[in-house]
Amino acid sequence: MHELSIAKSVLEGVRAELARRPGARLQKVGLRVGELSGVNADALSFSFEALVKGTEMESVTLEIERGPRRQRCPDCMNEFAVENGDLACPSCGARVTECIGGRELEFTYLEFEEP
């Protein structure tokens, strides 16, 4: 379950940011997880909760935004979210498009309570 390793990395990043903000209290962590990232959002959330339980970060909320697969049409440059597995361009009908999103695993925000 690589989600546990990811949750540990998230906490390392959070702790690094907290070190730059003496006295601040972290309230929420926002992540974007793309549908092609290979990350199970539920397992990541469970792992995060298990790691913070009984620590000073137990009250921190993890919010996960799921990012859809996005494609770009090289013919008309239209960018679109993939629906029902259809990779064809909805604007011009081109069958060959390129993947431009859906693999992300990134922080979207950290919400702090400043002293």
PDB file of N, CA and C in Angstrom:
ATOM      1  N   MET A   1       0.853  -1.178   0.000  1.00  0.00           N
ATOM      2  CA  MET A   1       0.000   0.000   0.000  1.00  0.00           C
ATOM      3  C   MET A   1       0.894   1.235   0.000  1.00  0.00           C
ATOM      4  N   HIS A   2       1.155   1.789  -1.170  1.00  0.00           N
ATOM      5  CA  HIS A   2       2.046   2.942  -1.270  1.00  0.00           C
ATOM      6  C   HIS A   2       1.380   4.228  -0.776  1.00  0.00           C
ATOM      7  N   GLU A   3       0.085   4.203  -0.504  1.00  0.00           N
ATOM      8  CA  GLU A   3      -0.597   5.382   0.024  1.00  0.00           C
ATOM      9  C   GLU A   3      -0.051   5.775   1.397  1.00  0.00           C
ATOM     10  N   LEU A   4       0.411   4.786   2.181  1.00  0.00           N
ATOM     11  CA  LEU A   4       1.012   5.092   3.479  1.00  0.00           C
ATOM     12  C   LEU A   4       2.293   5.900   3.294  1.00  0.00           C
ATOM     13  N   SER A   5       3.112   5.527   2.322  1.00  0.00           N
ATOM     14  CA  SER A   5       4.338   6.283   2.026  1.00  0.00           C
ATOM     15  C   SER A   5       4.005   7.697   1.562  1.00  0.00           C
ATOM     16  N   ILE A   6       2.963   7.825   0.772  1.00  0.00           N
ATOM     17  CA  ILE A   6       2.543   9.143   0.293  1.00  0.00           C
ATOM     18  C   ILE A   6       2.066   9.996   1.455  1.00  0.00           C
ATOM     19  N   ALA A   7       1.279   9.399   2.353  1.00  0.00           N
ATOM     20  CA  ALA A   7       0.792  10.133   3.529  1.00  0.00           C
ATOM     21  C   ALA A   7       1.961  10.604   4.389  1.00  0.00           C
ATOM     22  N   LYS A   8       2.987   9.767   4.532  1.00  0.00           N
ATOM     23  CA  LYS A   8       4.183  10.174   5.281  1.00  0.00           C
ATOM     24  C   LYS A   8       4.863  11.356   4.614  1.00  0.00           C
ATOM     25  N   SER A   9       4.954  11.329   3.289  1.00  0.00           N
ATOM     26  CA  SER A   9       5.573  12.437   2.546  1.00  0.00           C
ATOM     27  C   SER A   9       4.757  13.715   2.694  1.00  0.00           C
ATOM     28  N   VAL A  10       3.443  13.593   2.673  1.00  0.00           N
ATOM     29  CA  VAL A  10       2.571  14.757   2.883  1.00  0.00           C
ATOM     30  C   VAL A  10       2.854  15.360   4.243  1.00  0.00           C
ATOM     31  N   LEU A  11       2.938  14.521   5.260  1.00  0.00           N
ATOM     32  CA  LEU A  11       3.211  15.026   6.611  1.00  0.00           C
ATOM     33  C   LEU A  11       4.592  15.664   6.709  1.00  0.00           C
ATOM     34  N   GLU A  12       5.572  15.131   6.019  1.00  0.00           N
ATOM     35  CA  GLU A  12       6.906  15.747   6.007  1.00  0.00           C
ATOM     36  C   GLU A  12       6.834  17.146   5.402  1.00  0.00           C
ATOM     37  N   GLY A  13       6.109  17.283   4.300  1.00  0.00           N
ATOM     38  CA  GLY A  13       5.942  18.592   3.672  1.00  0.00           C
ATOM     39  C   GLY A  13       5.212  19.572   4.571  1.00  0.00           C
ATOM     40  N   VAL A  14       4.203  19.078   5.251  1.00  0.00           N
ATOM     41  CA  VAL A  14       3.431  19.909   6.173  1.00  0.00           C
ATOM     42  C   VAL A  14       4.310  20.372   7.331  1.00  0.00           C
ATOM     43  N   ARG A  15       5.084  19.458   7.870  1.00  0.00           N
ATOM     44  CA  ARG A  15       5.968  19.815   8.996  1.00  0.00           C
ATOM     45  C   ARG A  15       7.021  20.834   8.558  1.00  0.00           C
ATOM     46  N   ALA A  16       7.521  20.707   7.354  1.00  0.00           N
ATOM     47  CA  ALA A  16       8.494  21.675   6.841  1.00  0.00           C
ATOM     48  C   ALA A  16       7.860  23.063   6.746  1.00  0.00           C
ATOM     49  N   GLU A  17       6.622  23.128   6.283  1.00  0.00           N
ATOM     50  CA  GLU A  17       5.932  24.416   6.185  1.00  0.00           C
ATOM     51  C   GLU A  17       5.625  24.971   7.575  1.00  0.00           C
ATOM     52  N   LEU A  18       5.242  24.114   8.501  1.00  0.00           N
ATOM     53  CA  LEU A  18       4.983  24.557   9.881  1.00  0.00           C
ATOM     54  C   LEU A  18       6.237  25.140  10.520  1.00  0.00           C
ATOM     55  N   ALA A  19       7.394  24.588  10.202  1.00  0.00           N
ATOM     56  CA  ALA A  19       8.656  25.088  10.752  1.00  0.00           C
ATOM     57  C   ALA A  19       8.916  26.526  10.297  1.00  0.00           C
ATOM     58  N   ARG A  20       8.383  26.903   9.143  1.00  0.00           N
ATOM     59  CA  ARG A  20       8.546  28.270   8.639  1.00  0.00           C
ATOM     60  C   ARG A  20       7.528  29.237   9.217  1.00  0.00           C
ATOM     61  N   ARG A  21       6.572  28.721   9.965  1.00  0.00           N
ATOM     62  CA  ARG A  21       5.491  29.537  10.536  1.00  0.00           C
ATOM     63  C   ARG A  21       5.384  29.296  12.040  1.00  0.00           C
ATOM     64  N   PRO A  22       6.335  29.775  12.812  1.00  0.00           N
ATOM     65  CA  PRO A  22       6.309  29.540  14.259  1.00  0.00           C
ATOM     66  C   PRO A  22       4.996  30.011  14.878  1.00  0.00           C
ATOM     67  N   GLY A  23       4.413  29.138  15.690  1.00  0.00           N
ATOM     68  CA  GLY A  23       3.177  29.472  16.396  1.00  0.00           C
ATOM     69  C   GLY A  23       1.903  29.204  15.617  1.00  0.00           C
ATOM     70  N   ALA A  24       2.009  28.965  14.318  1.00  0.00           N
ATOM     71  CA  ALA A  24       0.811  28.705  13.505  1.00  0.00           C
ATOM     72  C   ALA A  24       0.284  27.302  13.796  1.00  0.00           C
ATOM     73  N   ARG A  25      -1.028  27.167  13.673  1.00  0.00           N
ATOM     74  CA  ARG A  25      -1.675  25.864  13.847  1.00  0.00           C
ATOM     75  C   ARG A  25      -2.301  25.438  12.535  1.00  0.00           C
ATOM     76  N   LEU A  26      -1.915  24.283  12.068  1.00  0.00           N
ATOM     77  CA  LEU A  26      -2.471  23.757  10.821  1.00  0.00           C
ATOM     78  C   LEU A  26      -3.881  23.244  11.073  1.00  0.00           C
ATOM     79  N   GLN A  27      -4.796  23.587  10.157  1.00  0.00           N
ATOM     80  CA  GLN A  27      -6.172  23.118  10.285  1.00  0.00           C
ATOM     81  C   GLN A  27      -6.560  22.158   9.171  1.00  0.00           C
ATOM     82  N   LYS A  28      -6.158  22.482   7.930  1.00  0.00           N
ATOM     83  CA  LYS A  28      -6.542  21.645   6.796  1.00  0.00           C
ATOM     84  C   LYS A  28      -5.394  21.507   5.810  1.00  0.00           C
ATOM     85  N   VAL A  29      -5.373  20.355   5.171  1.00  0.00           N
ATOM     86  CA  VAL A  29      -4.439  20.086   4.087  1.00  0.00           C
ATOM     87  C   VAL A  29      -5.279  19.707   2.877  1.00  0.00           C
ATOM     88  N   GLY A  30      -5.040  20.379   1.758  1.00  0.00           N
ATOM     89  CA  GLY A  30      -5.744  20.051   0.525  1.00  0.00           C
ATOM     90  C   GLY A  30      -4.802  19.403  -0.465  1.00  0.00           C
ATOM     91  N   LEU A  31      -5.240  18.307  -1.049  1.00  0.00           N
ATOM     92  CA  LEU A  31      -4.465  17.608  -2.068  1.00  0.00           C
ATOM     93  C   LEU A  31      -5.318  17.406  -3.312  1.00  0.00           C
ATOM     94  N   ARG A  32      -4.668  17.400  -4.462  1.00  0.00           N
ATOM     95  CA  ARG A  32      -5.333  17.022  -5.710  1.00  0.00           C
ATOM     96  C   ARG A  32      -4.724  15.693  -6.141  1.00  0.00           C
ATOM     97  N   VAL A  33      -5.598  14.711  -6.366  1.00  0.00           N
ATOM     98  CA  VAL A  33      -5.169  13.383  -6.780  1.00  0.00           C
ATOM     99  C   VAL A  33      -5.818  13.088  -8.131  1.00  0.00           C
ATOM    100  N   GLY A  34      -5.012  12.995  -9.159  1.00  0.00           N
ATOM    101  CA  GLY A  34      -5.518  12.714 -10.495  1.00  0.00           C
ATOM    102  C   GLY A  34      -5.975  11.276 -10.639  1.00  0.00           C
ATOM    103  N   GLU A  35      -6.980  11.067 -11.474  1.00  0.00           N
ATOM    104  CA  GLU A  35      -7.532   9.724 -11.635  1.00  0.00           C
ATOM    105  C   GLU A  35      -6.536   8.748 -12.260  1.00  0.00           C
ATOM    106  N   LEU A  36      -5.504   9.249 -12.926  1.00  0.00           N
ATOM    107  CA  LEU A  36      -4.477   8.389 -13.519  1.00  0.00           C
ATOM    108  C   LEU A  36      -3.240   8.249 -12.633  1.00  0.00           C
ATOM    109  N   SER A  37      -3.263   8.829 -11.446  1.00  0.00           N
ATOM    110  CA  SER A  37      -2.082   8.840 -10.575  1.00  0.00           C
ATOM    111  C   SER A  37      -1.770   7.480  -9.963  1.00  0.00           C
ATOM    112  N   GLY A  38      -2.742   6.591  -9.953  1.00  0.00           N
ATOM    113  CA  GLY A  38      -2.530   5.290  -9.325  1.00  0.00           C
ATOM    114  C   GLY A  38      -2.676   5.335  -7.818  1.00  0.00           C
ATOM    115  N   VAL A  39      -3.190   6.457  -7.302  1.00  0.00           N
ATOM    116  CA  VAL A  39      -3.360   6.617  -5.859  1.00  0.00           C
ATOM    117  C   VAL A  39      -4.836   6.420  -5.505  1.00  0.00           C
ATOM    118  N   ASN A  40      -5.076   5.565  -4.536  1.00  0.00           N
ATOM    119  CA  ASN A  40      -6.427   5.353  -4.036  1.00  0.00           C
ATOM    120  C   ASN A  40      -6.689   6.422  -2.976  1.00  0.00           C
ATOM    121  N   ALA A  41      -7.588   7.354  -3.270  1.00  0.00           N
ATOM    122  CA  ALA A  41      -7.844   8.486  -2.377  1.00  0.00           C
ATOM    123  C   ALA A  41      -8.354   8.034  -1.016  1.00  0.00           C
ATOM    124  N   ASP A  42      -9.179   7.002  -0.975  1.00  0.00           N
ATOM    125  CA  ASP A  42      -9.694   6.513   0.306  1.00  0.00           C
ATOM    126  C   ASP A  42      -8.580   5.917   1.155  1.00  0.00           C
ATOM    127  N   ALA A  43      -7.692   5.158   0.521  1.00  0.00           N
ATOM    128  CA  ALA A  43      -6.563   4.565   1.256  1.00  0.00           C
ATOM    129  C   ALA A  43      -5.603   5.643   1.731  1.00  0.00           C
ATOM    130  N   LEU A  44      -5.421   6.690   0.930  1.00  0.00           N
ATOM    131  CA  LEU A  44      -4.560   7.803   1.331  1.00  0.00           C
ATOM    132  C   LEU A  44      -5.151   8.521   2.533  1.00  0.00           C
ATOM    133  N   SER A  45      -6.438   8.773   2.501  1.00  0.00           N
ATOM    134  CA  SER A  45      -7.112   9.431   3.623  1.00  0.00           C
ATOM    135  C   SER A  45      -7.008   8.582   4.890  1.00  0.00           C
ATOM    136  N   PHE A  46      -7.246   7.286   4.757  1.00  0.00           N
ATOM    137  CA  PHE A  46      -7.142   6.373   5.900  1.00  0.00           C
ATOM    138  C   PHE A  46      -5.723   6.379   6.466  1.00  0.00           C
ATOM    139  N   SER A  47      -4.719   6.326   5.580  1.00  0.00           N
ATOM    140  CA  SER A  47      -3.318   6.328   6.019  1.00  0.00           C
ATOM    141  C   SER A  47      -2.965   7.620   6.748  1.00  0.00           C
ATOM    142  N   PHE A  48      -3.424   8.742   6.210  1.00  0.00           N
ATOM    143  CA  PHE A  48      -3.160  10.041   6.846  1.00  0.00           C
ATOM    144  C   PHE A  48      -3.763  10.063   8.255  1.00  0.00           C
ATOM    145  N   GLU A  49      -5.015   9.644   8.370  1.00  0.00           N
ATOM    146  CA  GLU A  49      -5.679   9.632   9.680  1.00  0.00           C
ATOM    147  C   GLU A  49      -4.950   8.728  10.666  1.00  0.00           C
ATOM    148  N   ALA A  50      -4.471   7.585  10.201  1.00  0.00           N
ATOM    149  CA  ALA A  50      -3.745   6.662  11.074  1.00  0.00           C
ATOM    150  C   ALA A  50      -2.431   7.279  11.559  1.00  0.00           C
ATOM    151  N   LEU A  51      -1.750   8.007  10.676  1.00  0.00           N
ATOM    152  CA  LEU A  51      -0.462   8.614  11.040  1.00  0.00           C
ATOM    153  C   LEU A  51      -0.605   9.780  12.012  1.00  0.00           C
ATOM    154  N   VAL A  52      -1.688  10.540  11.918  1.00  0.00           N
ATOM    155  CA  VAL A  52      -1.829  11.712  12.792  1.00  0.00           C
ATOM    156  C   VAL A  52      -2.529  11.385  14.112  1.00  0.00           C
ATOM    157  N   LYS A  53      -3.148  10.220  14.195  1.00  0.00           N
ATOM    158  CA  LYS A  53      -3.871   9.840  15.415  1.00  0.00           C
ATOM    159  C   LYS A  53      -2.920   9.824  16.616  1.00  0.00           C
ATOM    160  N   GLY A  54      -3.331  10.534  17.667  1.00  0.00           N
ATOM    161  CA  GLY A  54      -2.533  10.597  18.883  1.00  0.00           C
ATOM    162  C   GLY A  54      -1.362  11.561  18.821  1.00  0.00           C
ATOM    163  N   THR A  55      -1.297  12.363  17.758  1.00  0.00           N
ATOM    164  CA  THR A  55      -0.213  13.345  17.633  1.00  0.00           C
ATOM    165  C   THR A  55      -0.788  14.750  17.731  1.00  0.00           C
ATOM    166  N   GLU A  56       0.104  15.739  17.683  1.00  0.00           N
ATOM    167  CA  GLU A  56      -0.321  17.140  17.721  1.00  0.00           C
ATOM    168  C   GLU A  56      -1.114  17.528  16.469  1.00  0.00           C
ATOM    169  N   MET A  57      -1.102  16.696  15.447  1.00  0.00           N
ATOM    170  CA  MET A  57      -1.826  16.988  14.203  1.00  0.00           C
ATOM    171  C   MET A  57      -3.126  16.188  14.071  1.00  0.00           C
ATOM    172  N   GLU A  58      -3.565  15.590  15.159  1.00  0.00           N
ATOM    173  CA  GLU A  58      -4.769  14.754  15.094  1.00  0.00           C
ATOM    174  C   GLU A  58      -6.006  15.513  14.614  1.00  0.00           C
ATOM    175  N   SER A  59      -6.079  16.804  14.881  1.00  0.00           N
ATOM    176  CA  SER A  59      -7.257  17.587  14.490  1.00  0.00           C
ATOM    177  C   SER A  59      -7.195  18.103  13.050  1.00  0.00           C
ATOM    178  N   VAL A  60      -6.092  17.853  12.358  1.00  0.00           N
ATOM    179  CA  VAL A  60      -5.927  18.329  10.984  1.00  0.00           C
ATOM    180  C   VAL A  60      -6.839  17.531  10.051  1.00  0.00           C
ATOM    181  N   THR A  61      -7.514  18.255   9.178  1.00  0.00           N
ATOM    182  CA  THR A  61      -8.405  17.633   8.206  1.00  0.00           C
ATOM    183  C   THR A  61      -7.693  17.526   6.860  1.00  0.00           C
ATOM    184  N   LEU A  62      -7.795  16.358   6.239  1.00  0.00           N
ATOM    185  CA  LEU A  62      -7.257  16.157   4.896  1.00  0.00           C
ATOM    186  C   LEU A  62      -8.422  16.192   3.917  1.00  0.00           C
ATOM    187  N   GLU A  63      -8.345  17.107   2.954  1.00  0.00           N
ATOM    188  CA  GLU A  63      -9.371  17.200   1.920  1.00  0.00           C
ATOM    189  C   GLU A  63      -8.732  16.827   0.590  1.00  0.00           C
ATOM    190  N   ILE A  64      -9.331  15.855  -0.068  1.00  0.00           N
ATOM    191  CA  ILE A  64      -8.784  15.358  -1.332  1.00  0.00           C
ATOM    192  C   ILE A  64      -9.727  15.714  -2.467  1.00  0.00           C
ATOM    193  N   GLU A  65      -9.177  16.427  -3.433  1.00  0.00           N
ATOM    194  CA  GLU A  65      -9.910  16.765  -4.657  1.00  0.00           C
ATOM    195  C   GLU A  65      -9.453  15.774  -5.720  1.00  0.00           C
ATOM    196  N   ARG A  66     -10.387  15.142  -6.371  1.00  0.00           N
ATOM    197  CA  ARG A  66     -10.038  14.187  -7.420  1.00  0.00           C
ATOM    198  C   ARG A  66      -9.966  14.907  -8.755  1.00  0.00           C
ATOM    199  N   GLY A  67      -8.848  14.779  -9.418  1.00  0.00           N
ATOM    200  CA  GLY A  67      -8.638  15.440 -10.703  1.00  0.00           C
ATOM    201  C   GLY A  67      -8.972  14.513 -11.858  1.00  0.00           C
ATOM    202  N   PRO A  68      -9.782  14.962 -12.796  1.00  0.00           N
ATOM    203  CA  PRO A  68     -10.148  14.115 -13.926  1.00  0.00           C
ATOM    204  C   PRO A  68      -9.016  13.999 -14.945  1.00  0.00           C
ATOM    205  N   ARG A  69      -9.112  12.987 -15.765  1.00  0.00           N
ATOM    206  CA  ARG A  69      -8.187  12.872 -16.896  1.00  0.00           C
ATOM    207  C   ARG A  69      -8.531  13.984 -17.880  1.00  0.00           C
ATOM    208  N   ARG A  70      -7.508  14.697 -18.346  1.00  0.00           N
ATOM    209  CA  ARG A  70      -7.712  15.790 -19.315  1.00  0.00           C
ATOM    210  C   ARG A  70      -6.897  15.491 -20.562  1.00  0.00           C
ATOM    211  N   GLN A  71      -7.476  15.825 -21.699  1.00  0.00           N
ATOM    212  CA  GLN A  71      -6.851  15.605 -22.994  1.00  0.00           C
ATOM    213  C   GLN A  71      -6.789  16.914 -23.772  1.00  0.00           C
ATOM    214  N   ARG A  72      -5.868  16.974 -24.736  1.00  0.00           N
ATOM    215  CA  ARG A  72      -5.773  18.117 -25.652  1.00  0.00           C
ATOM    216  C   ARG A  72      -5.799  17.563 -27.076  1.00  0.00           C
ATOM    217  N   CYS A  73      -6.555  18.240 -27.904  1.00  0.00           N
ATOM    218  CA  CYS A  73      -6.641  17.869 -29.309  1.00  0.00           C
ATOM    219  C   CYS A  73      -5.537  18.607 -30.064  1.00  0.00           C
ATOM    220  N   PRO A  74      -4.646  17.896 -30.763  1.00  0.00           N
ATOM    221  CA  PRO A  74      -3.587  18.570 -31.515  1.00  0.00           C
ATOM    222  C   PRO A  74      -4.110  19.280 -32.770  1.00  0.00           C
ATOM    223  N   ASP A  75      -5.318  18.938 -33.200  1.00  0.00           N
ATOM    224  CA  ASP A  75      -5.888  19.570 -34.386  1.00  0.00           C
ATOM    225  C   ASP A  75      -6.470  20.948 -34.078  1.00  0.00           C
ATOM    226  N   CYS A  76      -7.329  21.022 -33.049  1.00  0.00           N
ATOM    227  CA  CYS A  76      -7.997  22.301 -32.747  1.00  0.00           C
ATOM    228  C   CYS A  76      -7.547  22.914 -31.421  1.00  0.00           C
ATOM    229  N   MET A  77      -6.637  22.226 -30.687  1.00  0.00           N
ATOM    230  CA  MET A  77      -6.074  22.677 -29.404  1.00  0.00           C
ATOM    231  C   MET A  77      -7.117  22.760 -28.286  1.00  0.00           C
ATOM    232  N   ASN A  78      -8.268  22.160 -28.467  1.00  0.00           N
ATOM    233  CA  ASN A  78      -9.282  22.102 -27.420  1.00  0.00           C
ATOM    234  C   ASN A  78      -8.790  21.210 -26.282  1.00  0.00           C
ATOM    235  N   GLU A  79      -8.977  21.682 -25.047  1.00  0.00           N
ATOM    236  CA  GLU A  79      -8.656  20.883 -23.878  1.00  0.00           C
ATOM    237  C   GLU A  79      -9.963  20.472 -23.229  1.00  0.00           C
ATOM    238  N   PHE A  80     -10.048  19.200 -22.810  1.00  0.00           N
ATOM    239  CA  PHE A  80     -11.310  18.700 -22.279  1.00  0.00           C
ATOM    240  C   PHE A  80     -11.089  17.592 -21.264  1.00  0.00           C
ATOM    241  N   ALA A  81     -12.063  17.461 -20.356  1.00  0.00           N
ATOM    242  CA  ALA A  81     -12.073  16.367 -19.391  1.00  0.00           C
ATOM    243  C   ALA A  81     -12.668  15.146 -20.083  1.00  0.00           C
ATOM    244  N   VAL A  82     -12.081  13.996 -19.846  1.00  0.00           N
ATOM    245  CA  VAL A  82     -12.551  12.753 -20.454  1.00  0.00           C
ATOM    246  C   VAL A  82     -13.785  12.268 -19.709  1.00  0.00           C
ATOM    247  N   GLU A  83     -14.805  11.962 -20.473  1.00  0.00           N
ATOM    248  CA  GLU A  83     -16.038  11.424 -19.896  1.00  0.00           C
ATOM    249  C   GLU A  83     -16.320  10.072 -20.522  1.00  0.00           C
ATOM    250  N   ASN A  84     -16.649   9.109 -19.677  1.00  0.00           N
ATOM    251  CA  ASN A  84     -16.993   7.757 -20.130  1.00  0.00           C
ATOM    252  C   ASN A  84     -15.890   7.102 -20.961  1.00  0.00           C
ATOM    253  N   GLY A  85     -14.649   7.465 -20.699  1.00  0.00           N
ATOM    254  CA  GLY A  85     -13.518   6.862 -21.391  1.00  0.00           C
ATOM    255  C   GLY A  85     -13.341   7.266 -22.842  1.00  0.00           C
ATOM    256  N   ASP A  86     -14.114   8.255 -23.296  1.00  0.00           N
ATOM    257  CA  ASP A  86     -14.040   8.697 -24.692  1.00  0.00           C
ATOM    258  C   ASP A  86     -12.934   9.737 -24.851  1.00  0.00           C
ATOM    259  N   LEU A  87     -11.881   9.378 -25.577  1.00  0.00           N
ATOM    260  CA  LEU A  87     -10.726  10.253 -25.767  1.00  0.00           C
ATOM    261  C   LEU A  87     -10.835  11.144 -26.998  1.00  0.00           C
ATOM    262  N   ALA A  88     -11.906  11.012 -27.760  1.00  0.00           N
ATOM    263  CA  ALA A  88     -12.090  11.830 -28.966  1.00  0.00           C
ATOM    264  C   ALA A  88     -12.410  13.268 -28.571  1.00  0.00           C
ATOM    265  N   CYS A  89     -11.970  14.196 -29.402  1.00  0.00           N
ATOM    266  CA  CYS A  89     -12.211  15.618 -29.156  1.00  0.00           C
ATOM    267  C   CYS A  89     -13.700  15.931 -29.322  1.00  0.00           C
ATOM    268  N   PRO A  90     -14.316  16.524 -28.300  1.00  0.00           N
ATOM    269  CA  PRO A  90     -15.728  16.859 -28.414  1.00  0.00           C
ATOM    270  C   PRO A  90     -15.993  18.050 -29.338  1.00  0.00           C
ATOM    271  N   SER A  91     -14.954  18.823 -29.656  1.00  0.00           N
ATOM    272  CA  SER A  91     -15.128  19.986 -30.536  1.00  0.00           C
ATOM    273  C   SER A  91     -15.056  19.636 -32.015  1.00  0.00           C
ATOM    274  N   CYS A  92     -13.984  18.910 -32.400  1.00  0.00           N
ATOM    275  CA  CYS A  92     -13.795  18.636 -33.833  1.00  0.00           C
ATOM    276  C   CYS A  92     -13.928  17.163 -34.192  1.00  0.00           C
ATOM    277  N   GLY A  93     -14.014  16.307 -33.183  1.00  0.00           N
ATOM    278  CA  GLY A  93     -14.187  14.881 -33.439  1.00  0.00           C
ATOM    279  C   GLY A  93     -12.912  14.105 -33.692  1.00  0.00           C
ATOM    280  N   ALA A  94     -11.753  14.756 -33.621  1.00  0.00           N
ATOM    281  CA  ALA A  94     -10.483  14.057 -33.846  1.00  0.00           C
ATOM    282  C   ALA A  94     -10.373  12.881 -32.878  1.00  0.00           C
ATOM    283  N   ARG A  95      -9.932  11.748 -33.375  1.00  0.00           N
ATOM    284  CA  ARG A  95      -9.838  10.529 -32.555  1.00  0.00           C
ATOM    285  C   ARG A  95      -8.531  10.462 -31.769  1.00  0.00           C
ATOM    286  N   VAL A  96      -7.494  11.137 -32.247  1.00  0.00           N
ATOM    287  CA  VAL A  96      -6.190  11.079 -31.577  1.00  0.00           C
ATOM    288  C   VAL A  96      -5.988  12.360 -30.781  1.00  0.00           C
ATOM    289  N   THR A  97      -5.905  12.203 -29.455  1.00  0.00           N
ATOM    290  CA  THR A  97      -5.674  13.337 -28.561  1.00  0.00           C
ATOM    291  C   THR A  97      -4.567  12.959 -27.589  1.00  0.00           C
ATOM    292  N   GLU A  98      -4.018  13.965 -26.903  1.00  0.00           N
ATOM    293  CA  GLU A  98      -2.917  13.688 -25.978  1.00  0.00           C
ATOM    294  C   GLU A  98      -3.337  13.980 -24.543  1.00  0.00           C
ATOM    295  N   CYS A  99      -2.840  13.150 -23.638  1.00  0.00           N
ATOM    296  CA  CYS A  99      -3.146  13.304 -22.217  1.00  0.00           C
ATOM    297  C   CYS A  99      -2.337  14.478 -21.660  1.00  0.00           C
ATOM    298  N   ILE A 100      -3.036  15.406 -20.991  1.00  0.00           N
ATOM    299  CA  ILE A 100      -2.352  16.557 -20.381  1.00  0.00           C
ATOM    300  C   ILE A 100      -2.643  16.680 -18.886  1.00  0.00           C
ATOM    301  N   GLY A 101      -3.467  15.800 -18.348  1.00  0.00           N
ATOM    302  CA  GLY A 101      -3.772  15.891 -16.926  1.00  0.00           C
ATOM    303  C   GLY A 101      -4.453  14.643 -16.417  1.00  0.00           C
ATOM    304  N   GLY A 102      -4.347  14.483 -15.107  1.00  0.00           N
ATOM    305  CA  GLY A 102      -4.934  13.325 -14.468  1.00  0.00           C
ATOM    306  C   GLY A 102      -3.914  12.498 -13.720  1.00  0.00           C
ATOM    307  N   ARG A 103      -2.640  12.865 -13.876  1.00  0.00           N
ATOM    308  CA  ARG A 103      -1.566  12.133 -13.196  1.00  0.00           C
ATOM    309  C   ARG A 103      -1.083  12.852 -11.933  1.00  0.00           C
ATOM    310  N   GLU A 104      -1.662  14.029 -11.655  1.00  0.00           N
ATOM    311  CA  GLU A 104      -1.132  14.858 -10.580  1.00  0.00           C
ATOM    312  C   GLU A 104      -1.392  14.278  -9.185  1.00  0.00           C
ATOM    313  N   LEU A 105      -0.471  14.596  -8.317  1.00  0.00           N
ATOM    314  CA  LEU A 105      -0.574  14.339  -6.885  1.00  0.00           C
ATOM    315  C   LEU A 105       0.139  15.525  -6.263  1.00  0.00           C
ATOM    316  N   GLU A 106      -0.644  16.512  -5.819  1.00  0.00           N
ATOM    317  CA  GLU A 106      -0.036  17.770  -5.398  1.00  0.00           C
ATOM    318  C   GLU A 106      -0.832  18.442  -4.289  1.00  0.00           C
ATOM    319  N   PHE A 107      -0.113  19.260  -3.522  1.00  0.00           N
ATOM    320  CA  PHE A 107      -0.770  20.105  -2.537  1.00  0.00           C
ATOM    321  C   PHE A 107      -1.581  21.160  -3.278  1.00  0.00           C
ATOM    322  N   THR A 108      -2.811  21.402  -2.839  1.00  0.00           N
ATOM    323  CA  THR A 108      -3.580  22.504  -3.401  1.00  0.00           C
ATOM    324  C   THR A 108      -3.620  23.661  -2.414  1.00  0.00           C
ATOM    325  N   TYR A 109      -3.605  23.350  -1.122  1.00  0.00           N
ATOM    326  CA  TYR A 109      -3.552  24.410  -0.120  1.00  0.00           C
ATOM    327  C   TYR A 109      -3.227  23.831   1.248  1.00  0.00           C
ATOM    328  N   LEU A 110      -2.762  24.707   2.117  1.00  0.00           N
ATOM    329  CA  LEU A 110      -2.597  24.442   3.551  1.00  0.00           C
ATOM    330  C   LEU A 110      -3.315  25.575   4.256  1.00  0.00           C
ATOM    331  N   GLU A 111      -4.196  25.239   5.162  1.00  0.00           N
ATOM    332  CA  GLU A 111      -4.958  26.262   5.888  1.00  0.00           C
ATOM    333  C   GLU A 111      -4.431  26.319   7.328  1.00  0.00           C
ATOM    334  N   PHE A 112      -3.957  27.511   7.701  1.00  0.00           N
ATOM    335  CA  PHE A 112      -3.372  27.715   9.024  1.00  0.00           C
ATOM    336  C   PHE A 112      -4.213  28.678   9.849  1.00  0.00           C
ATOM    337  N   GLU A 113      -4.070  28.535  11.151  1.00  0.00           N
ATOM    338  CA  GLU A 113      -4.582  29.548  12.092  1.00  0.00           C
ATOM    339  C   GLU A 113      -3.334  30.219  12.619  1.00  0.00           C
ATOM    340  N   GLU A 114      -3.187  31.488  12.274  1.00  0.00           N
ATOM    341  CA  GLU A 114      -1.996  32.234  12.688  1.00  0.00           C
ATOM    342  C   GLU A 114      -2.164  32.719  14.131  1.00  0.00           C
ATOM    343  N   PRO A 115      -1.037  32.836  14.847  1.00  0.00           N
ATOM    344  CA  PRO A 115      -1.122  33.296  16.266  1.00  0.00           C
ATOM    345  C   PRO A 115      -1.508  34.758  16.377  1.00  0.00           C
TER     346      PRO A 115
END
